[in-house]
Amino acid sequence: MIAIVTGRPGSGKTTLAPLLSSELAWPLVSRDKIKEAMLETLGIGVPVPLPLHEVEGLAASGSGHPDPDPRKGLGVGVFVQQSHPHPLPLPPPGAQGEGVNARATDAFFAQVSRLAHQGSSLVAEAAFQHKVWAPRLALLAEVADVRVVVCEVPPDIAWSRRQERAGLDPHFAARHPDPPGHLGEREPYDPPSLPLPTLRVSTLEGYAPGLAEIVAFLG
């Protein structure tokens, strides 16, 4: 069994997926966690917010740079780049093209496929659009029972959740930036629409249907 947990960014899938993994005692494969591990391994800098009283000294020494975008952390205005002491060379581009995002996607589906072919049930969590999910899930459905849980919440609520998380965790803001001028309510999300068992879950206030019903759907 492959339990796909998906939805627009900020829909609550990253919170629900570990709960399902724990309830079902199945391993969790998270695309974002894979991406974050790749960024760490490659030594790509992560903005770290500094107190305002350190701004003047940094500007004088040239060791930091002003950045007024409050979405990139706590909104204090100056960030320092932290890098891995021994950065690794970028690996060759994957089948889906260049960049860490594409490589993380390739690694995500490779891990899901590997577990499925070895007979393991699992929870797989990612925010892909239908066009990304469709061809991959069609192949996975040939070797496993695939069921889809789509987390749903109004776009403006999803956007505010992402803003709140970015404010609390500057590492998240750096590794999962929103495009310039991004407005959550205008972000299109096309969930997977396939001939597979699918359960839509509202995450506006808790889970509707509830966690027990979601587990029963998957079990």
Protein backbone atom coordinates (compact mmCIF):
# COMPACT_ATOMS: atom_id res chain seq x y z
CA MET A 1 0.00 0.00 0.00
CA ILE A 2 1.22 3.48 -0.88
CA ALA A 3 -0.57 6.27 0.95
CA ILE A 4 -0.10 9.51 -0.98
CA VAL A 5 -0.61 12.62 1.16
CA THR A 6 -0.77 15.77 -0.91
CA GLY A 7 -2.32 19.22 -1.16
CA ARG A 8 -1.30 22.79 -1.78
CA PRO A 9 1.59 24.21 0.30
CA GLY A 10 0.19 25.15 3.71
CA SER A 11 -2.70 22.70 3.51
CA GLY A 12 -1.51 20.65 6.48
CA LYS A 13 -0.14 17.60 4.67
CA THR A 14 3.27 17.87 6.37
CA THR A 15 1.53 17.61 9.75
CA LEU A 16 -0.88 14.86 8.76
CA ALA A 17 1.64 12.58 7.03
CA PRO A 18 3.77 11.84 10.14
CA LEU A 19 0.59 11.13 12.13
CA LEU A 20 -0.48 8.57 9.54
CA SER A 21 3.02 7.10 9.43
CA SER A 22 2.92 6.64 13.20
CA GLU A 23 -0.63 5.26 13.30
CA LEU A 24 0.02 2.78 10.50
CA ALA A 25 3.64 1.99 11.47
CA TRP A 26 4.70 2.66 7.87
CA PRO A 27 7.84 4.55 6.80
CA LEU A 28 7.39 8.14 5.66
CA VAL A 29 8.99 9.50 2.50
CA SER A 30 8.85 13.31 2.37
CA ARG A 31 9.93 15.21 -0.70
CA ASP A 32 10.67 18.38 1.29
CA LYS A 33 12.85 16.48 3.77
CA ILE A 34 14.83 15.02 0.90
CA LYS A 35 15.29 18.49 -0.60
CA GLU A 36 16.39 19.95 2.74
CA ALA A 37 18.93 17.14 3.23
CA MET A 38 20.33 17.75 -0.26
CA LEU A 39 20.73 21.47 0.42
CA GLU A 40 22.53 20.72 3.68
CA THR A 41 24.83 18.17 2.03
CA LEU A 42 25.64 20.46 -0.87
CA GLY A 43 26.59 23.23 1.54
CA ILE A 44 24.11 25.74 0.17
CA GLY A 45 23.88 28.77 2.46
CA VAL A 46 20.93 29.27 4.78
CA PRO A 47 19.93 32.81 5.82
CA VAL A 48 20.03 33.26 9.59
CA PRO A 49 18.34 36.34 11.11
CA LEU A 50 20.43 38.53 13.42
CA PRO A 51 19.36 40.95 16.17
CA LEU A 52 18.93 44.54 15.08
CA HIS A 53 21.75 45.78 17.33
CA GLU A 54 24.22 43.76 15.23
CA VAL A 55 23.13 45.30 11.94
CA GLU A 56 25.48 48.30 12.06
CA GLY A 57 28.56 46.21 12.77
CA LEU A 58 27.77 43.78 9.99
CA ALA A 59 27.24 46.55 7.47
CA ALA A 60 30.58 48.10 8.41
CA SER A 61 32.48 44.82 8.17
CA GLY A 62 30.81 43.70 4.96
CA SER A 63 29.97 40.28 6.46
CA GLY A 64 26.24 40.61 5.95
CA HIS A 65 23.74 42.21 3.62
CA PRO A 66 20.45 44.00 4.22
CA ASP A 67 17.36 42.14 3.17
CA PRO A 68 14.06 43.84 4.03
CA ASP A 69 11.86 40.90 2.99
CA PRO A 70 10.09 39.79 6.23
CA ARG A 71 9.05 36.51 4.61
CA LYS A 72 12.64 35.25 4.85
CA GLY A 73 12.62 34.71 8.58
CA LEU A 74 11.73 37.00 11.46
CA GLY A 75 11.75 40.23 9.46
CA VAL A 76 14.77 41.74 11.23
CA GLY A 77 16.41 42.84 8.00
CA VAL A 78 19.91 41.35 7.92
CA PHE A 79 21.00 37.80 7.20
CA VAL A 80 24.33 35.98 7.15
CA GLN A 81 25.02 33.09 4.80
CA GLN A 82 26.02 29.86 6.53
CA SER A 83 27.79 27.32 4.33
CA HIS A 84 28.95 23.75 4.71
CA PRO A 85 32.72 23.80 5.53
CA HIS A 86 33.43 21.42 2.65
CA PRO A 87 30.78 21.95 -0.05
CA LEU A 88 30.22 19.00 -2.32
CA PRO A 89 30.12 19.39 -6.10
CA LEU A 90 26.70 19.40 -7.67
CA PRO A 91 25.77 15.95 -8.98
CA PRO A 92 24.86 15.46 -12.64
CA PRO A 93 21.37 16.65 -13.56
CA GLY A 94 18.62 14.07 -13.07
CA ALA A 95 16.13 12.90 -15.63
CA GLN A 96 13.79 15.75 -14.74
CA GLY A 97 16.32 18.51 -15.42
CA GLU A 98 18.80 20.60 -13.48
CA GLY A 99 18.53 21.98 -9.97
CA VAL A 100 18.01 20.67 -6.46
CA ASN A 101 14.22 20.74 -6.82
CA ALA A 102 14.30 18.36 -9.78
CA ARG A 103 16.84 16.08 -8.11
CA ALA A 104 14.81 15.97 -4.92
CA THR A 105 11.76 15.00 -6.95
CA ASP A 106 13.70 12.25 -8.71
CA ALA A 107 15.03 10.95 -5.39
CA PHE A 108 11.55 11.07 -3.83
CA PHE A 109 9.96 8.92 -6.51
CA ALA A 110 12.96 6.59 -6.63
CA GLN A 111 12.66 5.92 -2.91
CA VAL A 112 8.89 5.41 -3.11
CA SER A 113 9.32 3.03 -6.04
CA ARG A 114 12.11 1.11 -4.32
CA LEU A 115 10.06 0.52 -1.18
CA ALA A 116 6.98 -0.45 -3.19
CA HIS A 117 8.92 -2.95 -5.31
CA GLN A 118 10.35 -4.48 -2.13
CA GLY A 119 6.84 -5.03 -0.78
CA SER A 120 6.79 -2.29 1.87
CA SER A 121 3.77 -0.15 2.61
CA LEU A 122 4.59 3.54 3.07
CA VAL A 123 3.33 7.09 3.40
CA ALA A 124 4.57 9.47 0.69
CA GLU A 125 4.09 13.21 1.18
CA ALA A 126 4.58 15.97 -1.40
CA ALA A 127 2.77 19.00 -2.84
CA PHE A 128 3.02 18.08 -6.50
CA GLN A 129 0.47 19.14 -9.07
CA HIS A 130 -1.59 16.61 -11.06
CA LYS A 131 0.78 16.79 -14.03
CA VAL A 132 3.66 15.58 -11.85
CA TRP A 133 1.72 12.97 -9.90
CA ALA A 134 -0.22 11.42 -12.80
CA PRO A 135 2.49 9.56 -14.78
CA ARG A 136 4.36 8.48 -11.66
CA LEU A 137 1.31 7.18 -9.81
CA ALA A 138 0.17 5.30 -12.91
CA LEU A 139 3.44 3.34 -12.79
CA LEU A 140 3.32 2.82 -9.04
CA ALA A 141 -0.26 1.55 -9.27
CA GLU A 142 1.05 -1.35 -11.36
CA VAL A 143 3.01 -2.71 -8.40
CA ALA A 144 1.07 -1.52 -5.35
CA ASP A 145 -2.31 -0.44 -4.03
CA VAL A 146 -2.14 3.37 -4.23
CA ARG A 147 -4.55 5.54 -2.25
CA VAL A 148 -4.57 9.31 -2.22
CA VAL A 149 -5.33 11.71 0.64
CA VAL A 150 -5.77 15.31 -0.52
CA CYS A 151 -5.53 17.92 2.23
CA GLU A 152 -7.77 20.90 1.58
CA VAL A 153 -7.95 24.36 3.08
CA PRO A 154 -8.89 27.78 1.62
CA PRO A 155 -5.92 29.27 -0.27
CA ASP A 156 -5.71 32.35 1.98
CA ILE A 157 -5.49 30.16 5.08
CA ALA A 158 -2.78 28.05 3.46
CA TRP A 159 -0.84 31.21 2.62
CA SER A 160 -1.09 32.58 6.17
CA ARG A 161 0.10 29.25 7.57
CA ARG A 162 3.18 29.37 5.35
CA GLN A 163 3.86 32.95 6.44
CA GLU A 164 3.62 31.94 10.07
CA ARG A 165 5.93 28.97 9.60
CA ALA A 166 8.47 31.06 7.70
CA GLY A 167 8.46 33.63 10.50
CA LEU A 168 9.18 30.97 13.10
CA ASP A 169 11.72 29.02 11.07
CA PRO A 170 14.17 31.00 8.88
CA HIS A 171 15.62 27.73 7.55
CA PHE A 172 12.20 26.85 6.13
CA ALA A 173 11.91 30.32 4.56
CA ALA A 174 15.31 29.97 2.91
CA ARG A 175 14.80 26.46 1.60
CA HIS A 176 11.22 26.89 0.46
CA PRO A 177 10.95 30.50 -0.73
CA ASP A 178 7.80 31.89 -2.27
CA PRO A 179 8.16 33.58 -5.65
CA PRO A 180 8.40 37.40 -5.63
CA GLY A 181 5.01 39.05 -5.41
CA HIS A 182 3.44 35.72 -4.51
CA LEU A 183 -0.13 35.83 -3.23
CA GLY A 184 -1.45 32.60 -1.76
CA GLU A 185 -5.01 33.20 -2.86
CA ARG A 186 -3.82 33.42 -6.47
CA GLU A 187 -1.65 30.32 -6.43
CA PRO A 188 -3.25 27.63 -8.59
CA TYR A 189 -3.17 24.09 -7.30
CA ASP A 190 -4.35 21.18 -9.42
CA PRO A 191 -4.64 18.11 -7.17
CA PRO A 192 -4.13 14.61 -8.55
CA SER A 193 -7.27 13.44 -10.28
CA LEU A 194 -6.81 9.78 -11.14
CA PRO A 195 -8.87 6.57 -11.09
CA LEU A 196 -7.47 5.75 -7.65
CA PRO A 197 -9.20 5.64 -4.24
CA THR A 198 -9.09 9.27 -3.08
CA LEU A 199 -10.12 10.91 0.18
CA ARG A 200 -10.41 14.67 0.52
CA VAL A 201 -9.65 15.92 4.03
CA SER A 202 -10.42 19.39 5.33
CA THR A 203 -7.68 20.64 7.64
CA LEU A 204 -9.36 23.95 8.48
CA GLU A 205 -10.10 22.85 12.06
CA GLY A 206 -8.49 19.56 12.87
CA TYR A 207 -9.29 16.88 10.32
CA ALA A 208 -12.62 16.20 8.65
CA PRO A 209 -13.02 13.28 8.30
CA GLY A 210 -11.11 12.49 11.47
CA LEU A 211 -7.78 10.75 11.84
CA ALA A 212 -9.37 7.37 12.64
CA GLU A 213 -11.44 7.50 9.46
CA ILE A 214 -8.39 8.45 7.38
CA VAL A 215 -6.47 5.52 8.85
CA ALA A 216 -9.40 3.20 8.12
CA PHE A 217 -9.47 4.46 4.50
CA LEU A 218 -5.82 3.55 4.12
CA GLY A 219 -5.91 0.35 6.12
